[in-house]
């Protein structure tokens, strides 16, 4: 999966969520100790960064937004991954699910806890 720069302008919805997204990112990265959470569970992929900078880690939604709208704003379903492991999760959802890096619609957290 190739990554590129965003070509479209930022939407009003995305701008409105910026503070919450920043908070979720900070909590997720701190909880992971600023390390890739797939480094040990996916050893066949060389972790992208031995001592990653906070800006190099990506926040991954274990339960995809397509089945759990708002997953990117819920720290209960996020993980810190380096770009290489993040790509691996996207390319291997079945294996990633078995290793705790991908989830399904029936695993969404109850809404009353949000």
PDB file of N, CA and C in Angstrom:
ATOM      1  N   UNK A   1       0.842  -1.161   0.000  1.00  0.00           N
ATOM      2  CA  UNK A   1       0.000   0.000   0.000  1.00  0.00           C
ATOM      3  C   UNK A   1       0.896   1.236   0.000  1.00  0.00           C
ATOM      4  N   UNK A   2       0.675   2.134  -0.946  1.00  0.00           N
ATOM      5  CA  UNK A   2       1.501   3.328  -1.040  1.00  0.00           C
ATOM      6  C   UNK A   2       0.833   4.471  -0.297  1.00  0.00           C
ATOM      7  N   UNK A   3       1.662   5.281   0.289  1.00  0.00           N
ATOM      8  CA  UNK A   3       1.164   6.437   1.022  1.00  0.00           C
ATOM      9  C   UNK A   3       1.535   7.700   0.245  1.00  0.00           C
ATOM     10  N   UNK A   4       0.623   8.646   0.240  1.00  0.00           N
ATOM     11  CA  UNK A   4       0.890   9.888  -0.456  1.00  0.00           C
ATOM     12  C   UNK A   4       0.321  11.056   0.320  1.00  0.00           C
ATOM     13  N   UNK A   5       0.571  12.229  -0.200  1.00  0.00           N
ATOM     14  CA  UNK A   5       0.059  13.426   0.447  1.00  0.00           C
ATOM     15  C   UNK A   5      -1.417  13.585   0.135  1.00  0.00           C
ATOM     16  N   UNK A   6      -2.134  14.157   1.086  1.00  0.00           N
ATOM     17  CA  UNK A   6      -3.562  14.433   0.903  1.00  0.00           C
ATOM     18  C   UNK A   6      -3.714  15.509  -0.167  1.00  0.00           C
ATOM     19  N   UNK A   7      -4.520  15.217  -1.165  1.00  0.00           N
ATOM     20  CA  UNK A   7      -4.709  16.162  -2.254  1.00  0.00           C
ATOM     21  C   UNK A   7      -5.938  17.036  -2.057  1.00  0.00           C
ATOM     22  N   UNK A   8      -6.919  16.542  -1.317  1.00  0.00           N
ATOM     23  CA  UNK A   8      -8.136  17.311  -1.131  1.00  0.00           C
ATOM     24  C   UNK A   8      -8.013  18.204   0.109  1.00  0.00           C
ATOM     25  N   UNK A   9      -8.782  19.277   0.136  1.00  0.00           N
ATOM     26  CA  UNK A   9      -8.751  20.150   1.301  1.00  0.00           C
ATOM     27  C   UNK A   9      -9.320  19.438   2.532  1.00  0.00           C
ATOM     28  N   UNK A  10      -8.927  19.883   3.704  1.00  0.00           N
ATOM     29  CA  UNK A  10      -9.393  19.281   4.953  1.00  0.00           C
ATOM     30  C   UNK A  10     -10.849  19.672   5.161  1.00  0.00           C
ATOM     31  N   UNK A  11     -11.669  18.686   5.500  1.00  0.00           N
ATOM     32  CA  UNK A  11     -13.099  18.939   5.671  1.00  0.00           C
ATOM     33  C   UNK A  11     -13.378  19.648   6.998  1.00  0.00           C
ATOM     34  N   UNK A  12     -14.532  20.253   7.085  1.00  0.00           N
ATOM     35  CA  UNK A  12     -14.947  20.928   8.315  1.00  0.00           C
ATOM     36  C   UNK A  12     -15.090  19.912   9.449  1.00  0.00           C
ATOM     37  N   UNK A  13     -15.575  18.712   9.129  1.00  0.00           N
ATOM     38  CA  UNK A  13     -15.719  17.673  10.150  1.00  0.00           C
ATOM     39  C   UNK A  13     -14.355  17.293  10.719  1.00  0.00           C
ATOM     40  N   UNK A  14     -13.385  17.123   9.842  1.00  0.00           N
ATOM     41  CA  UNK A  14     -12.037  16.764  10.298  1.00  0.00           C
ATOM     42  C   UNK A  14     -11.431  17.879  11.142  1.00  0.00           C
ATOM     43  N   UNK A  15     -11.645  19.112  10.748  1.00  0.00           N
ATOM     44  CA  UNK A  15     -11.154  20.234  11.539  1.00  0.00           C
ATOM     45  C   UNK A  15     -11.815  20.272  12.912  1.00  0.00           C
ATOM     46  N   UNK A  16     -13.109  19.993  12.969  1.00  0.00           N
ATOM     47  CA  UNK A  16     -13.835  20.001  14.244  1.00  0.00           C
ATOM     48  C   UNK A  16     -13.350  18.893  15.180  1.00  0.00           C
ATOM     49  N   UNK A  17     -12.859  17.792  14.614  1.00  0.00           N
ATOM     50  CA  UNK A  17     -12.386  16.661  15.427  1.00  0.00           C
ATOM     51  C   UNK A  17     -10.912  16.765  15.806  1.00  0.00           C
ATOM     52  N   UNK A  18     -10.219  17.796  15.355  1.00  0.00           N
ATOM     53  CA  UNK A  18      -8.770  17.873  15.531  1.00  0.00           C
ATOM     54  C   UNK A  18      -8.322  17.740  16.983  1.00  0.00           C
ATOM     55  N   UNK A  19      -8.938  18.448  17.897  1.00  0.00           N
ATOM     56  CA  UNK A  19      -8.520  18.376  19.304  1.00  0.00           C
ATOM     57  C   UNK A  19      -8.703  16.979  19.864  1.00  0.00           C
ATOM     58  N   UNK A  20      -9.836  16.350  19.568  1.00  0.00           N
ATOM     59  CA  UNK A  20     -10.085  14.991  20.062  1.00  0.00           C
ATOM     60  C   UNK A  20      -9.116  14.001  19.424  1.00  0.00           C
ATOM     61  N   UNK A  21      -8.849  14.148  18.134  1.00  0.00           N
ATOM     62  CA  UNK A  21      -7.892  13.269  17.451  1.00  0.00           C
ATOM     63  C   UNK A  21      -6.498  13.417  18.055  1.00  0.00           C
ATOM     64  N   UNK A  22      -6.099  14.644  18.346  1.00  0.00           N
ATOM     65  CA  UNK A  22      -4.795  14.883  18.971  1.00  0.00           C
ATOM     66  C   UNK A  22      -4.722  14.233  20.352  1.00  0.00           C
ATOM     67  N   UNK A  23      -5.816  14.314  21.104  1.00  0.00           N
ATOM     68  CA  UNK A  23      -5.868  13.693  22.435  1.00  0.00           C
ATOM     69  C   UNK A  23      -5.767  12.168  22.332  1.00  0.00           C
ATOM     70  N   UNK A  24      -6.513  11.582  21.403  1.00  0.00           N
ATOM     71  CA  UNK A  24      -6.472  10.123  21.213  1.00  0.00           C
ATOM     72  C   UNK A  24      -5.067   9.701  20.792  1.00  0.00           C
ATOM     73  N   UNK A  25      -4.449  10.451  19.909  1.00  0.00           N
ATOM     74  CA  UNK A  25      -3.077  10.136  19.474  1.00  0.00           C
ATOM     75  C   UNK A  25      -2.112  10.170  20.659  1.00  0.00           C
ATOM     76  N   UNK A  26      -2.191  11.213  21.466  1.00  0.00           N
ATOM     77  CA  UNK A  26      -1.291  11.342  22.617  1.00  0.00           C
ATOM     78  C   UNK A  26      -1.479  10.191  23.603  1.00  0.00           C
ATOM     79  N   UNK A  27      -2.711   9.847  23.899  1.00  0.00           N
ATOM     80  CA  UNK A  27      -2.994   8.753  24.840  1.00  0.00           C
ATOM     81  C   UNK A  27      -2.514   7.422  24.280  1.00  0.00           C
ATOM     82  N   UNK A  28      -2.794   7.172  23.007  1.00  0.00           N
ATOM     83  CA  UNK A  28      -2.405   5.910  22.369  1.00  0.00           C
ATOM     84  C   UNK A  28      -0.890   5.737  22.363  1.00  0.00           C
ATOM     85  N   UNK A  29      -0.169   6.773  21.976  1.00  0.00           N
ATOM     86  CA  UNK A  29       1.286   6.682  21.915  1.00  0.00           C
ATOM     87  C   UNK A  29       1.893   6.524  23.309  1.00  0.00           C
ATOM     88  N   UNK A  30       1.388   7.251  24.280  1.00  0.00           N
ATOM     89  CA  UNK A  30       1.906   7.142  25.652  1.00  0.00           C
ATOM     90  C   UNK A  30       1.639   5.750  26.214  1.00  0.00           C
ATOM     91  N   UNK A  31       0.447   5.228  25.980  1.00  0.00           N
ATOM     92  CA  UNK A  31       0.093   3.885  26.459  1.00  0.00           C
ATOM     93  C   UNK A  31       1.029   2.830  25.867  1.00  0.00           C
ATOM     94  N   UNK A  32       1.461   3.036  24.628  1.00  0.00           N
ATOM     95  CA  UNK A  32       2.351   2.087  23.956  1.00  0.00           C
ATOM     96  C   UNK A  32       3.821   2.334  24.303  1.00  0.00           C
ATOM     97  N   UNK A  33       4.080   3.330  25.127  1.00  0.00           N
ATOM     98  CA  UNK A  33       5.463   3.642  25.466  1.00  0.00           C
ATOM     99  C   UNK A  33       6.234   4.205  24.281  1.00  0.00           C
ATOM    100  N   UNK A  34       5.511   4.815  23.357  1.00  0.00           N
ATOM    101  CA  UNK A  34       6.102   5.400  22.149  1.00  0.00           C
ATOM    102  C   UNK A  34       6.886   4.368  21.347  1.00  0.00           C
ATOM    103  N   UNK A  35       6.349   3.150  21.298  1.00  0.00           N
ATOM    104  CA  UNK A  35       6.944   2.054  20.528  1.00  0.00           C
ATOM    105  C   UNK A  35       5.853   1.396  19.691  1.00  0.00           C
ATOM    106  N   UNK A  36       6.270   0.780  18.614  1.00  0.00           N
ATOM    107  CA  UNK A  36       5.344   0.052  17.750  1.00  0.00           C
ATOM    108  C   UNK A  36       4.804  -1.158  18.509  1.00  0.00           C
ATOM    109  N   UNK A  37       3.484  -1.274  18.579  1.00  0.00           N
ATOM    110  CA  UNK A  37       2.858  -2.367  19.325  1.00  0.00           C
ATOM    111  C   UNK A  37       2.885  -3.696  18.576  1.00  0.00           C
ATOM    112  N   UNK A  38       3.293  -3.708  17.327  1.00  0.00           N
ATOM    113  CA  UNK A  38       3.354  -4.954  16.556  1.00  0.00           C
ATOM    114  C   UNK A  38       4.778  -5.488  16.452  1.00  0.00           C
ATOM    115  N   UNK A  39       5.715  -4.802  17.050  1.00  0.00           N
ATOM    116  CA  UNK A  39       7.119  -5.193  16.923  1.00  0.00           C
ATOM    117  C   UNK A  39       7.351  -6.639  17.354  1.00  0.00           C
ATOM    118  N   UNK A  40       6.743  -7.063  18.451  1.00  0.00           N
ATOM    119  CA  UNK A  40       6.949  -8.423  18.958  1.00  0.00           C
ATOM    120  C   UNK A  40       5.936  -9.431  18.413  1.00  0.00           C
ATOM    121  N   UNK A  41       4.743  -8.976  18.074  1.00  0.00           N
ATOM    122  CA  UNK A  41       3.709  -9.902  17.610  1.00  0.00           C
ATOM    123  C   UNK A  41       3.782 -10.192  16.117  1.00  0.00           C
ATOM    124  N   UNK A  42       4.510  -9.375  15.382  1.00  0.00           N
ATOM    125  CA  UNK A  42       4.672  -9.570  13.936  1.00  0.00           C
ATOM    126  C   UNK A  42       6.169  -9.523  13.615  1.00  0.00           C
ATOM    127  N   UNK A  43       6.931 -10.539  14.075  1.00  0.00           N
ATOM    128  CA  UNK A  43       8.379 -10.503  13.904  1.00  0.00           C
ATOM    129  C   UNK A  43       8.843 -10.664  12.458  1.00  0.00           C
ATOM    130  N   UNK A  44       7.989 -11.182  11.579  1.00  0.00           N
ATOM    131  CA  UNK A  44       8.402 -11.360  10.193  1.00  0.00           C
ATOM    132  C   UNK A  44       8.514 -10.037   9.438  1.00  0.00           C
ATOM    133  N   UNK A  45       8.028  -8.956  10.029  1.00  0.00           N
ATOM    134  CA  UNK A  45       8.180  -7.626   9.449  1.00  0.00           C
ATOM    135  C   UNK A  45       9.174  -6.868  10.314  1.00  0.00           C
ATOM    136  N   UNK A  46      10.239  -6.389   9.689  1.00  0.00           N
ATOM    137  CA  UNK A  46      11.225  -5.594  10.421  1.00  0.00           C
ATOM    138  C   UNK A  46      10.570  -4.284  10.823  1.00  0.00           C
ATOM    139  N   UNK A  47      10.541  -4.010  12.110  1.00  0.00           N
ATOM    140  CA  UNK A  47       9.899  -2.788  12.590  1.00  0.00           C
ATOM    141  C   UNK A  47      10.547  -1.583  11.925  1.00  0.00           C
ATOM    142  N   UNK A  48       9.719  -0.644  11.520  1.00  0.00           N
ATOM    143  CA  UNK A  48      10.208   0.514  10.788  1.00  0.00           C
ATOM    144  C   UNK A  48      11.167   1.395  11.554  1.00  0.00           C
ATOM    145  N   UNK A  49      11.086   1.357  12.885  1.00  0.00           N
ATOM    146  CA  UNK A  49      11.907   2.257  13.678  1.00  0.00           C
ATOM    147  C   UNK A  49      12.294   1.573  14.973  1.00  0.00           C
ATOM    148  N   UNK A  50      13.561   1.526  15.267  1.00  0.00           N
ATOM    149  CA  UNK A  50      14.022   0.938  16.530  1.00  0.00           C
ATOM    150  C   UNK A  50      13.650   1.838  17.695  1.00  0.00           C
ATOM    151  N   UNK A  51      13.932   3.092  17.579  1.00  0.00           N
ATOM    152  CA  UNK A  51      13.556   4.067  18.603  1.00  0.00           C
ATOM    153  C   UNK A  51      12.755   5.151  17.895  1.00  0.00           C
ATOM    154  N   UNK A  52      11.503   4.871  17.636  1.00  0.00           N
ATOM    155  CA  UNK A  52      10.714   5.798  16.822  1.00  0.00           C
ATOM    156  C   UNK A  52      10.455   7.132  17.519  1.00  0.00           C
ATOM    157  N   UNK A  53      10.421   8.149  16.731  1.00  0.00           N
ATOM    158  CA  UNK A  53       9.968   9.448  17.211  1.00  0.00           C
ATOM    159  C   UNK A  53       8.451   9.404  17.249  1.00  0.00           C
ATOM    160  N   UNK A  54       7.867  10.198  18.083  1.00  0.00           N
ATOM    161  CA  UNK A  54       6.402  10.204  18.187  1.00  0.00           C
ATOM    162  C   UNK A  54       5.752  10.473  16.837  1.00  0.00           C
ATOM    163  N   UNK A  55       6.368  11.342  16.043  1.00  0.00           N
ATOM    164  CA  UNK A  55       5.779  11.701  14.760  1.00  0.00           C
ATOM    165  C   UNK A  55       5.874  10.572  13.740  1.00  0.00           C
ATOM    166  N   UNK A  56       6.743   9.571  13.974  1.00  0.00           N
ATOM    167  CA  UNK A  56       6.892   8.475  13.019  1.00  0.00           C
ATOM    168  C   UNK A  56       5.879   7.360  13.255  1.00  0.00           C
ATOM    169  N   UNK A  57       5.289   7.302  14.439  1.00  0.00           N
ATOM    170  CA  UNK A  57       4.294   6.275  14.718  1.00  0.00           C
ATOM    171  C   UNK A  57       2.928   6.724  14.218  1.00  0.00           C
ATOM    172  N   UNK A  58       2.126   5.737  13.820  1.00  0.00           N
ATOM    173  CA  UNK A  58       0.785   6.021  13.338  1.00  0.00           C
ATOM    174  C   UNK A  58      -0.220   5.419  14.304  1.00  0.00           C
ATOM    175  N   UNK A  59      -1.362   6.057  14.433  1.00  0.00           N
ATOM    176  CA  UNK A  59      -2.428   5.524  15.274  1.00  0.00           C
ATOM    177  C   UNK A  59      -3.345   4.699  14.375  1.00  0.00           C
ATOM    178  N   UNK A  60      -3.455   3.434  14.717  1.00  0.00           N
ATOM    179  CA  UNK A  60      -4.236   2.471  13.938  1.00  0.00           C
ATOM    180  C   UNK A  60      -5.516   2.139  14.689  1.00  0.00           C
ATOM    181  N   UNK A  61      -6.650   2.120  13.976  1.00  0.00           N
ATOM    182  CA  UNK A  61      -7.910   1.692  14.575  1.00  0.00           C
ATOM    183  C   UNK A  61      -8.025   0.179  14.394  1.00  0.00           C
ATOM    184  N   UNK A  62      -8.010  -0.564  15.483  1.00  0.00           N
ATOM    185  CA  UNK A  62      -8.112  -2.026  15.419  1.00  0.00           C
ATOM    186  C   UNK A  62      -9.455  -2.413  14.796  1.00  0.00           C
ATOM    187  N   UNK A  63     -10.523  -1.764  15.214  1.00  0.00           N
ATOM    188  CA  UNK A  63     -11.837  -1.957  14.592  1.00  0.00           C
ATOM    189  C   UNK A  63     -11.943  -0.880  13.515  1.00  0.00           C
ATOM    190  N   UNK A  64     -12.034  -1.255  12.244  1.00  0.00           N
ATOM    191  CA  UNK A  64     -12.051  -0.256  11.171  1.00  0.00           C
ATOM    192  C   UNK A  64     -13.229   0.720  11.275  1.00  0.00           C
ATOM    193  N   UNK A  65     -12.996   1.940  10.858  1.00  0.00           N
ATOM    194  CA  UNK A  65     -14.051   2.961  10.874  1.00  0.00           C
ATOM    195  C   UNK A  65     -15.234   2.580   9.998  1.00  0.00           C
ATOM    196  N   UNK A  66     -15.002   1.736   9.012  1.00  0.00           N
ATOM    197  CA  UNK A  66     -16.099   1.341   8.130  1.00  0.00           C
ATOM    198  C   UNK A  66     -17.168   0.545   8.879  1.00  0.00           C
ATOM    199  N   UNK A  67     -16.783  -0.152   9.946  1.00  0.00           N
ATOM    200  CA  UNK A  67     -17.764  -0.908  10.735  1.00  0.00           C
ATOM    201  C   UNK A  67     -17.996  -0.294  12.104  1.00  0.00           C
ATOM    202  N   UNK A  68     -17.138   0.616  12.508  1.00  0.00           N
ATOM    203  CA  UNK A  68     -17.274   1.290  13.800  1.00  0.00           C
ATOM    204  C   UNK A  68     -16.989   2.780  13.602  1.00  0.00           C
ATOM    205  N   UNK A  69     -17.987   3.527  13.118  1.00  0.00           N
ATOM    206  CA  UNK A  69     -17.780   4.960  12.926  1.00  0.00           C
ATOM    207  C   UNK A  69     -17.329   5.608  14.233  1.00  0.00           C
ATOM    208  N   UNK A  70     -16.305   6.409  14.138  1.00  0.00           N
ATOM    209  CA  UNK A  70     -15.767   7.060  15.322  1.00  0.00           C
ATOM    210  C   UNK A  70     -14.632   6.298  15.970  1.00  0.00           C
ATOM    211  N   UNK A  71     -14.187   5.207  15.361  1.00  0.00           N
ATOM    212  CA  UNK A  71     -13.093   4.412  15.935  1.00  0.00           C
ATOM    213  C   UNK A  71     -11.840   5.250  16.125  1.00  0.00           C
ATOM    214  N   UNK A  72     -11.619   6.193  15.242  1.00  0.00           N
ATOM    215  CA  UNK A  72     -10.429   7.039  15.337  1.00  0.00           C
ATOM    216  C   UNK A  72     -10.487   7.993  16.528  1.00  0.00           C
ATOM    217  N   UNK A  73     -11.631   8.062  17.186  1.00  0.00           N
ATOM    218  CA  UNK A  73     -11.789   8.935  18.352  1.00  0.00           C
ATOM    219  C   UNK A  73     -11.979   8.139  19.644  1.00  0.00           C
ATOM    220  N   UNK A  74     -11.758   6.839  19.598  1.00  0.00           N
ATOM    221  CA  UNK A  74     -11.968   5.960  20.753  1.00  0.00           C
ATOM    222  C   UNK A  74     -10.653   5.262  21.099  1.00  0.00           C
ATOM    223  N   UNK A  75     -10.036   5.647  22.202  1.00  0.00           N
ATOM    224  CA  UNK A  75      -8.733   5.087  22.572  1.00  0.00           C
ATOM    225  C   UNK A  75      -8.808   3.596  22.898  1.00  0.00           C
ATOM    226  N   UNK A  76     -10.007   3.077  23.125  1.00  0.00           N
ATOM    227  CA  UNK A  76     -10.141   1.651  23.443  1.00  0.00           C
ATOM    228  C   UNK A  76      -9.852   0.762  22.240  1.00  0.00           C
ATOM    229  N   UNK A  77      -9.887   1.324  21.044  1.00  0.00           N
ATOM    230  CA  UNK A  77      -9.683   0.510  19.842  1.00  0.00           C
ATOM    231  C   UNK A  77      -8.527   1.019  18.985  1.00  0.00           C
ATOM    232  N   UNK A  78      -7.565   1.687  19.608  1.00  0.00           N
ATOM    233  CA  UNK A  78      -6.429   2.203  18.852  1.00  0.00           C
ATOM    234  C   UNK A  78      -5.124   1.559  19.310  1.00  0.00           C
ATOM    235  N   UNK A  79      -4.158   1.543  18.404  1.00  0.00           N
ATOM    236  CA  UNK A  79      -2.816   1.040  18.678  1.00  0.00           C
ATOM    237  C   UNK A  79      -1.808   1.943  17.985  1.00  0.00           C
ATOM    238  N   UNK A  80      -0.603   1.966  18.523  1.00  0.00           N
ATOM    239  CA  UNK A  80       0.500   2.694  17.898  1.00  0.00           C
ATOM    240  C   UNK A  80       1.289   1.706  17.044  1.00  0.00           C
ATOM    241  N   UNK A  81       1.406   1.994  15.758  1.00  0.00           N
ATOM    242  CA  UNK A  81       2.140   1.123  14.840  1.00  0.00           C
ATOM    243  C   UNK A  81       3.095   1.953  13.991  1.00  0.00           C
ATOM    244  N   UNK A  82       4.240   1.354  13.652  1.00  0.00           N
ATOM    245  CA  UNK A  82       5.124   1.996  12.688  1.00  0.00           C
ATOM    246  C   UNK A  82       4.469   1.840  11.304  1.00  0.00           C
ATOM    247  N   UNK A  83       4.871   2.625  10.326  1.00  0.00           N
ATOM    248  CA  UNK A  83       4.254   2.531   8.999  1.00  0.00           C
ATOM    249  C   UNK A  83       4.359   1.144   8.364  1.00  0.00           C
ATOM    250  N   UNK A  84       5.464   0.430   8.570  1.00  0.00           N
ATOM    251  CA  UNK A  84       5.615  -0.896   7.959  1.00  0.00           C
ATOM    252  C   UNK A  84       4.629  -1.901   8.557  1.00  0.00           C
ATOM    253  N   UNK A  85       4.471  -1.877   9.867  1.00  0.00           N
ATOM    254  CA  UNK A  85       3.503  -2.780  10.496  1.00  0.00           C
ATOM    255  C   UNK A  85       2.063  -2.350  10.185  1.00  0.00           C
ATOM    256  N   UNK A  86       1.831  -1.050  10.081  1.00  0.00           N
ATOM    257  CA  UNK A  86       0.494  -0.570   9.731  1.00  0.00           C
ATOM    258  C   UNK A  86       0.102  -1.078   8.344  1.00  0.00           C
ATOM    259  N   UNK A  87       1.042  -1.022   7.400  1.00  0.00           N
ATOM    260  CA  UNK A  87       0.780  -1.550   6.058  1.00  0.00           C
ATOM    261  C   UNK A  87       0.534  -3.054   6.105  1.00  0.00           C
ATOM    262  N   UNK A  88       1.318  -3.776   6.915  1.00  0.00           N
ATOM    263  CA  UNK A  88       1.153  -5.227   7.030  1.00  0.00           C
ATOM    264  C   UNK A  88      -0.233  -5.565   7.541  1.00  0.00           C
ATOM    265  N   UNK A  89      -0.714  -4.847   8.542  1.00  0.00           N
ATOM    266  CA  UNK A  89      -2.054  -5.095   9.089  1.00  0.00           C
ATOM    267  C   UNK A  89      -3.106  -4.912   7.997  1.00  0.00           C
ATOM    268  N   UNK A  90      -2.972  -3.847   7.213  1.00  0.00           N
ATOM    269  CA  UNK A  90      -3.929  -3.612   6.127  1.00  0.00           C
ATOM    270  C   UNK A  90      -3.893  -4.676   5.058  1.00  0.00           C
ATOM    271  N   UNK A  91      -2.728  -5.237   4.808  1.00  0.00           N
ATOM    272  CA  UNK A  91      -2.575  -6.254   3.773  1.00  0.00           C
ATOM    273  C   UNK A  91      -2.902  -7.673   4.255  1.00  0.00           C
ATOM    274  N   UNK A  92      -2.921  -7.893   5.565  1.00  0.00           N
ATOM    275  CA  UNK A  92      -3.122  -9.232   6.143  1.00  0.00           C
ATOM    276  C   UNK A  92      -4.143  -9.213   7.277  1.00  0.00           C
ATOM    277  N   UNK A  93      -5.397  -8.844   7.003  1.00  0.00           N
ATOM    278  CA  UNK A  93      -6.366  -8.680   8.096  1.00  0.00           C
ATOM    279  C   UNK A  93      -6.637  -9.954   8.899  1.00  0.00           C
ATOM    280  N   UNK A  94      -6.630 -11.103   8.272  1.00  0.00           N
ATOM    281  CA  UNK A  94      -6.911 -12.348   9.008  1.00  0.00           C
ATOM    282  C   UNK A  94      -5.790 -12.665   9.989  1.00  0.00           C
ATOM    283  N   UNK A  95      -4.551 -12.618   9.521  1.00  0.00           N
ATOM    284  CA  UNK A  95      -3.410 -12.830  10.422  1.00  0.00           C
ATOM    285  C   UNK A  95      -3.344 -11.742  11.484  1.00  0.00           C
ATOM    286  N   UNK A  96      -3.612 -10.504  11.085  1.00  0.00           N
ATOM    287  CA  UNK A  96      -3.574  -9.384  12.032  1.00  0.00           C
ATOM    288  C   UNK A  96      -4.630  -9.573  13.122  1.00  0.00           C
ATOM    289  N   UNK A  97      -5.793 -10.095  12.766  1.00  0.00           N
ATOM    290  CA  UNK A  97      -6.843 -10.344  13.764  1.00  0.00           C
ATOM    291  C   UNK A  97      -6.389 -11.398  14.767  1.00  0.00           C
ATOM    292  N   UNK A  98      -5.727 -12.434  14.272  1.00  0.00           N
ATOM    293  CA  UNK A  98      -5.245 -13.490  15.157  1.00  0.00           C
ATOM    294  C   UNK A  98      -4.180 -12.980  16.126  1.00  0.00           C
ATOM    295  N   UNK A  99      -3.506 -11.906  15.733  1.00  0.00           N
ATOM    296  CA  UNK A  99      -2.431 -11.360  16.578  1.00  0.00           C
ATOM    297  C   UNK A  99      -2.848 -10.097  17.330  1.00  0.00           C
ATOM    298  N   UNK A 100      -4.132  -9.760  17.260  1.00  0.00           N
ATOM    299  CA  UNK A 100      -4.649  -8.646  18.041  1.00  0.00           C
ATOM    300  C   UNK A 100      -4.515  -7.269  17.434  1.00  0.00           C
ATOM    301  N   UNK A 101      -4.324  -7.203  16.110  1.00  0.00           N
ATOM    302  CA  UNK A 101      -4.145  -5.904  15.468  1.00  0.00           C
ATOM    303  C   UNK A 101      -5.271  -5.553  14.504  1.00  0.00           C
ATOM    304  N   UNK A 102      -6.278  -6.385  14.423  1.00  0.00           N
ATOM    305  CA  UNK A 102      -7.424  -6.113  13.559  1.00  0.00           C
ATOM    306  C   UNK A 102      -8.651  -6.690  14.242  1.00  0.00           C
ATOM    307  N   UNK A 103      -9.773  -6.001  14.113  1.00  0.00           N
ATOM    308  CA  UNK A 103     -10.995  -6.479  14.735  1.00  0.00           C
ATOM    309  C   UNK A 103     -12.158  -6.437  13.764  1.00  0.00           C
ATOM    310  N   UNK A 104     -13.295  -6.894  14.249  1.00  0.00           N
ATOM    311  CA  UNK A 104     -14.493  -7.005  13.423  1.00  0.00           C
ATOM    312  C   UNK A 104     -15.668  -6.297  14.078  1.00  0.00           C
ATOM    313  N   UNK A 105     -16.744  -6.124  13.320  1.00  0.00           N
ATOM    314  CA  UNK A 105     -17.894  -5.349  13.782  1.00  0.00           C
ATOM    315  C   UNK A 105     -18.480  -5.878  15.091  1.00  0.00           C
ATOM    316  N   UNK A 106     -18.473  -7.178  15.293  1.00  0.00           N
ATOM    317  CA  UNK A 106     -19.055  -7.730  16.516  1.00  0.00           C
ATOM    318  C   UNK A 106     -18.176  -7.469  17.747  1.00  0.00           C
ATOM    319  N   UNK A 107     -17.006  -6.896  17.555  1.00  0.00           N
ATOM    320  CA  UNK A 107     -16.105  -6.595  18.667  1.00  0.00           C
ATOM    321  C   UNK A 107     -16.131  -5.130  19.057  1.00  0.00           C
ATOM    322  N   UNK A 108     -17.054  -4.349  18.488  1.00  0.00           N
ATOM    323  CA  UNK A 108     -17.089  -2.928  18.822  1.00  0.00           C
ATOM    324  C   UNK A 108     -17.499  -2.748  20.279  1.00  0.00           C
ATOM    325  N   UNK A 109     -16.912  -1.769  20.947  1.00  0.00           N
ATOM    326  CA  UNK A 109     -17.271  -1.515  22.346  1.00  0.00           C
ATOM    327  C   UNK A 109     -18.700  -1.036  22.459  1.00  0.00           C
ATOM    328  N   UNK A 110     -19.360  -1.342  23.555  1.00  0.00           N
ATOM    329  CA  UNK A 110     -20.734  -0.852  23.754  1.00  0.00           C
ATOM    330  C   UNK A 110     -20.771   0.676  23.763  1.00  0.00           C
ATOM    331  N   UNK A 111     -21.788   1.245  23.134  1.00  0.00           N
ATOM    332  CA  UNK A 111     -21.887   2.693  23.030  1.00  0.00           C
ATOM    333  C   UNK A 111     -22.088   3.366  24.376  1.00  0.00           C
ATOM    334  N   UNK A 112     -22.747   2.713  25.317  1.00  0.00           N
ATOM    335  CA  UNK A 112     -22.984   3.351  26.608  1.00  0.00           C
ATOM    336  C   UNK A 112     -21.689   3.618  27.375  1.00  0.00           C
ATOM    337  N   UNK A 113     -20.593   3.000  26.964  1.00  0.00           N
ATOM    338  CA  UNK A 113     -19.319   3.234  27.627  1.00  0.00           C
ATOM    339  C   UNK A 113     -18.534   4.375  26.997  1.00  0.00           C
ATOM    340  N   UNK A 114     -19.028   4.908  25.891  1.00  0.00           N
ATOM    341  CA  UNK A 114     -18.303   5.978  25.191  1.00  0.00           C
ATOM    342  C   UNK A 114     -18.346   7.276  25.960  1.00  0.00           C
TER     343      UNK A 114
END
